[in-house]
N, C-alpha and C. Protein backbone atom coordinates (compact mmCIF):
# COMPACT_ATOMS: atom_id res chain seq x y z
N MET A 1 -12.76 -3.00 -5.24
CA MET A 1 -11.04 -2.55 -4.67
C MET A 1 -10.61 -1.63 -6.02
N ALA A 2 -10.26 -0.91 -6.21
CA ALA A 2 -9.56 -0.16 -7.06
C ALA A 2 -7.51 -0.86 -7.35
N ALA A 3 -7.47 -0.99 -8.58
CA ALA A 3 -6.42 -1.63 -8.67
C ALA A 3 -5.33 -0.02 -8.81
N LEU A 4 -4.41 0.05 -7.99
CA LEU A 4 -3.57 1.45 -7.99
C LEU A 4 -2.52 0.98 -9.11
N ASN A 5 -2.03 1.98 -9.66
CA ASN A 5 -0.90 1.77 -11.21
C ASN A 5 0.39 2.18 -10.11
N THR A 6 1.32 0.92 -10.59
CA THR A 6 2.86 1.67 -10.23
C THR A 6 3.63 2.27 -11.19
N THR A 7 3.98 3.74 -10.39
CA THR A 7 5.27 4.23 -11.47
C THR A 7 6.64 3.62 -10.94
N VAL A 8 7.02 3.59 -11.74
CA VAL A 8 8.67 3.06 -11.72
C VAL A 8 9.77 3.99 -12.09
N VAL A 9 10.69 4.28 -10.75
CA VAL A 9 11.23 5.35 -10.80
C VAL A 9 12.44 5.21 -11.62
N GLY A 10 12.48 6.18 -12.49
CA GLY A 10 13.79 5.92 -13.46
C GLY A 10 15.16 6.58 -12.78
N LEU A 11 16.05 6.74 -13.65
CA LEU A 11 17.38 7.48 -13.27
C LEU A 11 17.28 8.61 -12.89
N THR A 12 16.42 9.25 -13.58
CA THR A 12 16.51 10.84 -13.75
C THR A 12 15.14 11.15 -13.02
N GLY A 13 15.12 10.51 -12.11
CA GLY A 13 13.75 10.69 -11.25
C GLY A 13 12.10 10.38 -11.94
N SER A 14 11.08 10.90 -10.85
CA SER A 14 9.78 10.50 -11.82
C SER A 14 8.87 11.64 -11.15
N THR A 15 8.00 11.55 -11.76
CA THR A 15 6.34 12.44 -11.00
C THR A 15 6.15 11.56 -10.51
N VAL A 16 5.47 11.94 -8.85
CA VAL A 16 4.50 11.22 -8.08
C VAL A 16 3.17 11.78 -8.15
N THR A 17 2.30 10.65 -8.80
CA THR A 17 0.76 11.05 -8.92
C THR A 17 0.30 10.53 -7.70
N TYR A 18 -0.52 10.84 -7.02
CA TYR A 18 -1.57 10.47 -6.23
C TYR A 18 -2.71 10.50 -6.53
N THR A 19 -3.58 8.90 -6.19
CA THR A 19 -5.36 8.72 -6.64
C THR A 19 -6.11 8.85 -5.09
N PRO A 20 -7.04 9.12 -4.82
CA PRO A 20 -7.81 9.04 -3.78
C PRO A 20 -7.96 7.52 -3.23
N ALA A 21 -7.86 7.40 -1.72
CA ALA A 21 -7.94 6.17 -1.34
C ALA A 21 -9.22 5.54 -1.62
N SER A 22 -9.70 4.07 -2.16
CA SER A 22 -11.13 3.71 -2.39
C SER A 22 -11.61 3.06 -1.08
N GLY A 23 -12.71 3.87 -0.83
CA GLY A 23 -13.64 3.08 0.53
C GLY A 23 -13.43 1.80 0.39
N GLY A 24 -13.65 1.10 -0.74
CA GLY A 24 -13.60 -0.49 -0.38
C GLY A 24 -12.38 -1.18 -0.41
N GLY A 25 -11.01 -0.35 -0.57
CA GLY A 25 -9.86 -0.83 -0.72
C GLY A 25 -9.66 -0.51 -1.67
N ASP A 26 -7.98 -1.21 -2.00
CA ASP A 26 -7.43 -0.96 -2.97
C ASP A 26 -6.34 -2.11 -3.42
N THR A 27 -5.87 -2.53 -4.39
CA THR A 27 -4.85 -3.48 -4.67
C THR A 27 -3.66 -3.14 -5.42
N CYS A 28 -2.37 -3.29 -5.16
CA CYS A 28 -1.05 -3.11 -5.70
C CYS A 28 -0.20 -4.03 -6.12
N GLU A 29 0.74 -3.71 -6.61
CA GLU A 29 1.92 -4.60 -7.51
C GLU A 29 2.54 -4.73 -5.97
N THR A 30 3.29 -6.19 -5.69
CA THR A 30 3.89 -6.37 -4.64
C THR A 30 5.87 -6.77 -5.02
N GLY A 31 6.83 -6.65 -3.98
CA GLY A 31 8.00 -7.18 -4.78
C GLY A 31 8.87 -5.98 -3.80
N ALA A 32 10.16 -6.76 -4.53
CA ALA A 32 11.26 -5.60 -3.90
C ALA A 32 11.31 -4.16 -4.49
N GLY A 33 11.24 -3.15 -3.66
CA GLY A 33 11.87 -2.05 -4.36
C GLY A 33 10.10 -1.10 -4.58
N VAL A 34 9.10 -1.85 -4.04
CA VAL A 34 7.56 -1.70 -4.23
C VAL A 34 7.04 -0.87 -2.89
N VAL A 35 6.70 0.34 -2.81
CA VAL A 35 6.67 1.30 -1.90
C VAL A 35 5.02 1.98 -1.70
N LEU A 36 4.18 1.91 -1.08
CA LEU A 36 3.01 2.38 -0.73
C LEU A 36 3.15 3.75 0.01
N LEU A 37 2.84 5.10 -0.58
CA LEU A 37 3.08 6.24 -0.42
C LEU A 37 1.45 6.29 0.13
N VAL A 38 1.43 7.25 1.24
CA VAL A 38 0.28 7.33 1.88
C VAL A 38 0.04 8.91 2.31
N LYS A 39 -0.56 10.13 1.83
CA LYS A 39 -0.66 11.05 2.73
C LYS A 39 -2.21 11.30 3.14
N ASN A 40 -2.27 11.81 4.48
CA ASN A 40 -3.13 11.88 5.15
C ASN A 40 -3.72 13.31 5.31
N GLY A 41 -4.47 14.10 4.60
CA GLY A 41 -5.00 15.42 4.42
C GLY A 41 -5.99 15.73 5.37
N ASP A 42 -6.40 14.75 6.12
CA ASP A 42 -7.32 14.80 6.91
C ASP A 42 -7.25 15.49 8.63
N ALA A 43 -7.86 16.03 9.44
CA ALA A 43 -7.21 16.55 10.47
C ALA A 43 -7.40 15.27 11.67
N SER A 44 -7.76 13.96 11.42
CA SER A 44 -7.56 12.33 12.25
C SER A 44 -6.50 11.74 11.68
N SER A 45 -6.13 10.99 12.77
CA SER A 45 -5.32 9.84 11.78
C SER A 45 -6.18 8.81 11.23
N HIS A 46 -5.38 7.70 10.35
CA HIS A 46 -6.02 6.86 9.47
C HIS A 46 -4.96 5.98 9.54
N THR A 47 -5.60 4.23 9.53
CA THR A 47 -5.13 3.45 9.97
C THR A 47 -5.08 2.71 8.38
N VAL A 48 -3.82 2.69 7.98
CA VAL A 48 -3.89 1.61 6.23
C VAL A 48 -3.59 0.16 6.95
N THR A 49 -3.99 -0.79 6.43
CA THR A 49 -3.84 -2.07 6.51
C THR A 49 -3.46 -3.15 5.29
N LEU A 50 -2.18 -3.52 5.67
CA LEU A 50 -1.53 -4.18 4.09
C LEU A 50 -2.45 -6.10 4.60
N VAL A 51 -3.06 -6.37 3.86
CA VAL A 51 -3.52 -8.16 4.14
C VAL A 51 -2.39 -8.71 4.13
N THR A 52 -2.01 -9.96 4.94
CA THR A 52 -1.40 -10.65 4.92
C THR A 52 -1.70 -12.12 4.96
N PRO A 53 -1.52 -12.73 3.33
CA PRO A 53 -2.12 -13.66 3.29
C PRO A 53 -1.77 -15.42 3.40
N GLU A 54 -0.68 -14.93 4.38
CA GLU A 54 0.32 -15.86 4.56
C GLU A 54 -0.13 -16.79 5.83
N VAL A 55 0.20 -18.24 5.99
CA VAL A 55 -0.19 -18.68 6.55
C VAL A 55 1.10 -19.93 7.61
N VAL A 56 1.25 -20.23 8.75
CA VAL A 56 2.25 -20.90 8.84
C VAL A 56 1.78 -22.21 9.63
N ASP A 57 2.59 -23.41 9.36
CA ASP A 57 2.06 -24.65 10.44
C ASP A 57 0.91 -24.91 9.69
N GLY A 58 0.51 -24.53 8.52
CA GLY A 58 -0.65 -24.93 7.65
C GLY A 58 -2.08 -24.14 8.30
N ASP A 59 -2.21 -23.73 9.47
CA ASP A 59 -3.39 -23.23 9.94
C ASP A 59 -3.10 -21.94 10.64
N LEU A 60 -2.17 -21.43 10.91
CA LEU A 60 -1.81 -20.42 11.47
C LEU A 60 -1.51 -19.18 11.06
N ALA A 61 -2.63 -18.15 10.70
CA ALA A 61 -2.48 -17.11 10.17
C ALA A 61 -1.41 -15.92 10.71
N VAL A 62 -0.97 -15.04 9.78
CA VAL A 62 0.36 -14.20 10.05
C VAL A 62 -0.63 -12.68 9.90
N ALA A 63 -0.38 -12.54 11.17
CA ALA A 63 -0.97 -10.82 11.18
C ALA A 63 -1.25 -9.73 10.20
N ASP A 64 -1.72 -9.09 9.95
CA ASP A 64 -2.04 -8.27 8.66
C ASP A 64 -1.04 -7.19 9.41
N ARG A 65 -0.53 -6.32 8.31
CA ARG A 65 -0.01 -5.21 8.58
C ARG A 65 -0.33 -3.92 9.13
N ALA A 66 -0.50 -3.29 9.96
CA ALA A 66 -1.81 -1.92 10.34
C ALA A 66 -0.73 -1.11 10.62
N VAL A 67 -0.61 0.07 9.29
CA VAL A 67 -0.15 1.40 10.15
C VAL A 67 -0.43 2.50 9.91
N THR A 68 -0.37 3.27 11.06
CA THR A 68 -1.13 4.54 11.30
C THR A 68 -0.31 5.87 10.97
N VAL A 69 -1.30 6.49 10.00
CA VAL A 69 -0.88 7.59 9.29
C VAL A 69 -1.30 8.71 9.85
N ALA A 70 -0.64 9.59 10.52
CA ALA A 70 -0.94 10.74 11.73
C ALA A 70 -1.35 11.69 10.80
N ALA A 71 -2.26 12.63 11.49
CA ALA A 71 -3.10 13.81 10.77
C ALA A 71 -2.20 14.62 9.80
N GLY A 72 -2.32 14.97 8.79
CA GLY A 72 -1.57 16.03 8.26
C GLY A 72 -0.24 15.13 7.56
N ALA A 73 -0.17 13.81 7.90
CA ALA A 73 1.37 13.41 7.49
C ALA A 73 1.60 12.27 6.38
N GLU A 74 2.47 11.73 5.94
CA GLU A 74 2.74 11.23 5.00
C GLU A 74 3.48 9.96 5.24
N ARG A 75 3.10 8.48 4.92
CA ARG A 75 4.20 7.62 5.19
C ARG A 75 4.38 6.56 3.86
N ALA A 76 5.73 6.27 3.92
CA ALA A 76 5.93 5.52 3.10
C ALA A 76 6.30 3.80 3.52
N ILE A 77 5.23 3.04 2.92
CA ILE A 77 4.93 1.67 3.20
C ILE A 77 5.76 0.76 2.31
N PRO A 78 6.59 -0.22 2.67
CA PRO A 78 7.44 -1.24 1.80
C PRO A 78 6.04 -2.29 1.72
N VAL A 79 5.83 -3.00 0.14
CA VAL A 79 4.66 -3.76 0.05
C VAL A 79 5.43 -5.13 -0.58
N THR A 80 6.56 -5.47 0.32
CA THR A 80 7.42 -6.77 -0.16
C THR A 80 6.14 -7.86 -0.47
N GLY A 81 6.71 -9.23 -0.60
CA GLY A 81 6.41 -10.23 -1.68
C GLY A 81 5.20 -11.04 -0.41
N ARG A 82 5.47 -10.71 1.08
CA ARG A 82 5.04 -11.31 1.80
C ARG A 82 3.38 -10.79 1.62
N TYR A 83 3.29 -9.49 0.82
CA TYR A 83 1.48 -9.26 0.87
C TYR A 83 0.93 -9.88 -0.13
N ARG A 84 1.99 -10.32 -1.18
CA ARG A 84 1.07 -11.11 -2.55
C ARG A 84 0.14 -11.90 -2.06
N ASN A 85 -1.21 -11.70 -2.70
CA ASN A 85 -2.07 -12.74 -2.62
C ASN A 85 -2.01 -13.68 -3.72
N PRO A 86 -1.63 -15.17 -3.55
CA PRO A 86 -1.58 -15.96 -4.40
C PRO A 86 -2.74 -16.23 -5.43
N SER A 87 -3.97 -15.85 -5.42
CA SER A 87 -5.03 -15.85 -6.21
C SER A 87 -5.12 -14.75 -6.86
N THR A 88 -4.57 -13.50 -6.67
CA THR A 88 -4.50 -12.27 -7.60
C THR A 88 -3.11 -11.60 -7.82
N GLY A 89 -2.14 -12.09 -7.14
CA GLY A 89 -1.01 -11.58 -7.54
C GLY A 89 -0.69 -10.20 -6.72
N ARG A 90 -1.64 -9.82 -6.42
CA ARG A 90 -1.32 -8.54 -6.14
C ARG A 90 -2.00 -8.31 -4.26
N ALA A 91 -1.45 -7.15 -3.73
CA ALA A 91 -1.55 -6.77 -2.29
C ALA A 91 -2.93 -5.95 -2.02
N ALA A 92 -3.70 -6.54 -0.96
CA ALA A 92 -4.84 -6.07 -0.95
C ALA A 92 -4.55 -5.28 0.42
N ILE A 93 -5.23 -3.51 0.23
CA ILE A 93 -5.06 -2.46 1.39
C ILE A 93 -6.29 -1.99 1.81
N THR A 94 -6.45 -2.10 2.86
CA THR A 94 -7.82 -1.48 3.40
C THR A 94 -7.55 -0.47 4.41
N TYR A 95 -8.35 0.45 4.50
CA TYR A 95 -8.47 2.12 5.19
C TYR A 95 -9.61 1.71 6.25
N ASP A 96 -9.30 2.77 7.52
CA ASP A 96 -10.38 2.76 8.02
C ASP A 96 -11.02 3.71 7.93
N ALA A 97 -10.72 4.62 6.94
CA ALA A 97 -11.50 5.66 6.57
C ALA A 97 -10.45 6.59 5.28
N VAL A 98 -11.30 6.50 4.41
CA VAL A 98 -10.40 7.57 3.01
C VAL A 98 -10.67 9.24 2.88
N THR A 99 -11.37 9.55 3.89
CA THR A 99 -11.59 11.62 3.81
C THR A 99 -10.15 11.84 3.71
N SER A 100 -9.72 12.46 2.76
CA SER A 100 -8.54 12.82 2.37
C SER A 100 -7.63 12.55 2.64
N VAL A 101 -7.70 10.96 1.82
CA VAL A 101 -6.43 10.03 1.89
C VAL A 101 -6.12 9.84 0.55
N THR A 102 -5.07 10.33 -0.09
CA THR A 102 -4.36 9.73 -1.48
C THR A 102 -3.24 8.69 -1.21
N VAL A 103 -3.10 8.09 -2.26
CA VAL A 103 -2.19 7.10 -2.13
C VAL A 103 -1.58 7.28 -3.60
N ALA A 104 -0.31 6.25 -3.32
CA ALA A 104 0.63 6.26 -4.52
C ALA A 104 1.44 5.11 -4.64
N VAL A 105 1.83 4.35 -5.59
CA VAL A 105 2.52 3.31 -5.79
C VAL A 105 4.09 3.35 -6.17
N LEU A 106 4.98 3.03 -6.04
CA LEU A 106 6.24 3.42 -6.70
C LEU A 106 6.95 1.86 -6.54
N ARG A 107 8.13 2.05 -7.76
CA ARG A 107 8.72 0.52 -7.58
C ARG A 107 10.34 1.13 -8.03
N VAL A 108 11.18 1.21 -7.23
CA VAL A 108 12.62 1.52 -7.41
C VAL A 108 13.30 0.24 -8.06
N PRO A 109 13.59 0.11 -9.10
CA PRO A 109 14.25 -1.11 -9.89
C PRO A 109 15.69 -1.26 -8.92
N ALA A 110 16.08 -2.35 -8.98
CA ALA A 110 17.47 -2.72 -8.29
C ALA A 110 18.46 -2.04 -9.19
N LEU A 111 19.77 -1.38 -9.00
CA LEU A 111 20.62 -1.06 -10.22
C LEU A 111 21.95 -1.77 -9.86
């Protein structure tokens, strides 16, 4: 898994730098104002999954968040603290395929 860098968006704006999605998945920061941007340049749709490490009632796993990104489309996916892995402090992201998929992580601070 590759650790994605977070771009903090300043008051005058920021340049978004996309990187190729990793075949083994990626990790990123979590929290308020954090967004995963996914660009799918492929001719097929792809599914991005945010792993939810949370359990309720001691043993009931909360389902992972699966988001479909249509062919040629972009999606912005909030990465809240719900996806924070307690062992790593980061969210784990997987992809059904990474052909022509690029990603970026942005954090917009509260004003």
